[in-house]
Amino acid sequence: MTDAYLGEFTRGPAVFVVFRFDDESYRVECSDGNGPSPVCRLADDPNVPVAWHGAWNGDRWCKWIEAEARKVVADPESG
């Protein structure tokens, strides 16, 4: 199923939500009280670079966000 909710993780007031985007990738959105906004899109293949959205590109949280999102992808029941 595409565009399906898989789970979420938090850091401070930010809530990150992971969705299945299509057959080969996932999208992550963040809500920090101002409604959800796009963070990135990541592929099933961890060797494919993450496509970061806007100001998230190069953010110090990027590696952490990718690691947490991949945990949700690996075990959606835990999210």
C-alpha atoms as a PDB file:
ATOM      1  CA  MET A   1       0.000   0.000   0.000  1.00  0.00           C
ATOM      2  CA  THR A   2       1.459   3.370  -0.964  1.00  0.00           C
ATOM      3  CA  ASP A   3       1.180   6.575   1.053  1.00  0.00           C
ATOM      4  CA  ALA A   4       0.485   4.525   4.171  1.00  0.00           C
ATOM      5  CA  TYR A   5       1.305   5.623   7.722  1.00  0.00           C
ATOM      6  CA  LEU A   6       4.114   3.480   9.177  1.00  0.00           C
ATOM      7  CA  GLY A   7       4.940   5.171  12.463  1.00  0.00           C
ATOM      8  CA  GLU A   8       6.558   8.126  14.150  1.00  0.00           C
ATOM      9  CA  PHE A   9       9.364   9.287  16.401  1.00  0.00           C
ATOM     10  CA  THR A  10      10.010  12.467  18.372  1.00  0.00           C
ATOM     11  CA  ARG A  11      12.768  14.837  19.354  1.00  0.00           C
ATOM     12  CA  GLY A  12      11.863  17.680  21.649  1.00  0.00           C
ATOM     13  CA  PRO A  13       8.595  19.204  20.468  1.00  0.00           C
ATOM     14  CA  ALA A  14       9.047  17.836  16.924  1.00  0.00           C
ATOM     15  CA  VAL A  15       7.036  14.795  15.840  1.00  0.00           C
ATOM     16  CA  PHE A  16       8.353  13.028  12.740  1.00  0.00           C
ATOM     17  CA  VAL A  17       5.947  10.790  10.827  1.00  0.00           C
ATOM     18  CA  VAL A  18       7.020   8.142   8.311  1.00  0.00           C
ATOM     19  CA  PHE A  19       4.840   7.131   5.359  1.00  0.00           C
ATOM     20  CA  ARG A  20       5.313   4.598   2.572  1.00  0.00           C
ATOM     21  CA  PHE A  21       5.584   6.944  -0.436  1.00  0.00           C
ATOM     22  CA  ASP A  22       5.609   4.409  -3.263  1.00  0.00           C
ATOM     23  CA  ASP A  23       6.910   0.911  -3.947  1.00  0.00           C
ATOM     24  CA  GLU A  24      10.539   1.967  -3.505  1.00  0.00           C
ATOM     25  CA  SER A  25      10.600   4.904  -1.095  1.00  0.00           C
ATOM     26  CA  TYR A  26       9.306   6.557   2.067  1.00  0.00           C
ATOM     27  CA  ARG A  27       8.570  10.136   3.054  1.00  0.00           C
ATOM     28  CA  VAL A  28       9.092  11.809   6.393  1.00  0.00           C
ATOM     29  CA  GLU A  29       7.100  14.799   7.605  1.00  0.00           C
ATOM     30  CA  CYS A  30       7.620  16.883  10.726  1.00  0.00           C
ATOM     31  CA  SER A  31       5.123  18.710  12.887  1.00  0.00           C
ATOM     32  CA  ASP A  32       6.415  21.095  15.521  1.00  0.00           C
ATOM     33  CA  GLY A  33       3.099  22.722  16.329  1.00  0.00           C
ATOM     34  CA  ASN A  34       2.647  24.520  13.007  1.00  0.00           C
ATOM     35  CA  GLY A  35       1.225  21.576  11.100  1.00  0.00           C
ATOM     36  CA  PRO A  36       3.093  18.928   9.107  1.00  0.00           C
ATOM     37  CA  SER A  37       5.802  19.853   6.637  1.00  0.00           C
ATOM     38  CA  PRO A  38       8.026  17.713   4.394  1.00  0.00           C
ATOM     39  CA  VAL A  39      11.444  16.658   5.694  1.00  0.00           C
ATOM     40  CA  CYS A  40      12.801  14.097   3.252  1.00  0.00           C
ATOM     41  CA  ARG A  41      12.259  11.131   1.024  1.00  0.00           C
ATOM     42  CA  LEU A  42      14.367   8.015   1.417  1.00  0.00           C
ATOM     43  CA  ALA A  43      14.695   4.918  -0.715  1.00  0.00           C
ATOM     44  CA  ASP A  44      14.477   1.286   0.332  1.00  0.00           C
ATOM     45  CA  ASP A  45      18.137   1.028  -0.664  1.00  0.00           C
ATOM     46  CA  PRO A  46      20.197   2.751   2.061  1.00  0.00           C
ATOM     47  CA  ASN A  47      22.934   3.445  -0.535  1.00  0.00           C
ATOM     48  CA  VAL A  48      20.646   5.852  -2.412  1.00  0.00           C
ATOM     49  CA  PRO A  49      21.115   9.411  -1.092  1.00  0.00           C
ATOM     50  CA  VAL A  50      18.254  10.864   0.940  1.00  0.00           C
ATOM     51  CA  ALA A  51      16.377  13.693  -0.784  1.00  0.00           C
ATOM     52  CA  TRP A  52      16.142  16.399   1.899  1.00  0.00           C
ATOM     53  CA  HIS A  53      13.516  19.112   1.606  1.00  0.00           C
ATOM     54  CA  GLY A  54      14.414  22.795   1.846  1.00  0.00           C
ATOM     55  CA  ALA A  55      16.088  23.891   5.075  1.00  0.00           C
ATOM     56  CA  TRP A  56      16.439  20.269   6.219  1.00  0.00           C
ATOM     57  CA  ASN A  57      19.165  19.788   3.603  1.00  0.00           C
ATOM     58  CA  GLY A  58      22.362  19.802   5.656  1.00  0.00           C
ATOM     59  CA  ASP A  59      20.626  20.123   9.034  1.00  0.00           C
ATOM     60  CA  ARG A  60      22.533  18.675  11.996  1.00  0.00           C
ATOM     61  CA  TRP A  61      19.620  16.288  12.694  1.00  0.00           C
ATOM     62  CA  CYS A  62      19.766  14.668   9.226  1.00  0.00           C
ATOM     63  CA  LYS A  63      21.723  11.533  10.183  1.00  0.00           C
ATOM     64  CA  TRP A  64      19.568  11.043  13.267  1.00  0.00           C
ATOM     65  CA  ILE A  65      16.316  11.523  11.293  1.00  0.00           C
ATOM     66  CA  GLU A  66      17.414   9.017   8.654  1.00  0.00           C
ATOM     67  CA  ALA A  67      18.419   6.452  11.306  1.00  0.00           C
ATOM     68  CA  GLU A  68      15.121   6.828  13.195  1.00  0.00           C
ATOM     69  CA  ALA A  69      13.065   6.698  10.003  1.00  0.00           C
ATOM     70  CA  ARG A  70      14.823   3.498   8.937  1.00  0.00           C
ATOM     71  CA  LYS A  71      14.003   1.959  12.334  1.00  0.00           C
ATOM     72  CA  VAL A  72      10.313   2.708  11.713  1.00  0.00           C
ATOM     73  CA  VAL A  73      10.545   1.290   8.182  1.00  0.00           C
ATOM     74  CA  ALA A  74      12.198  -1.894   9.505  1.00  0.00           C
ATOM     75  CA  ASP A  75       9.605  -2.368  12.256  1.00  0.00           C
ATOM     76  CA  PRO A  76       6.439  -0.336  11.590  1.00  0.00           C
ATOM     77  CA  GLU A  77       4.666  -1.942  14.547  1.00  0.00           C
ATOM     78  CA  SER A  78       7.073  -0.216  16.957  1.00  0.00           C
ATOM     79  CA  GLY A  79       6.345   3.291  15.652  1.00  0.00           C
END
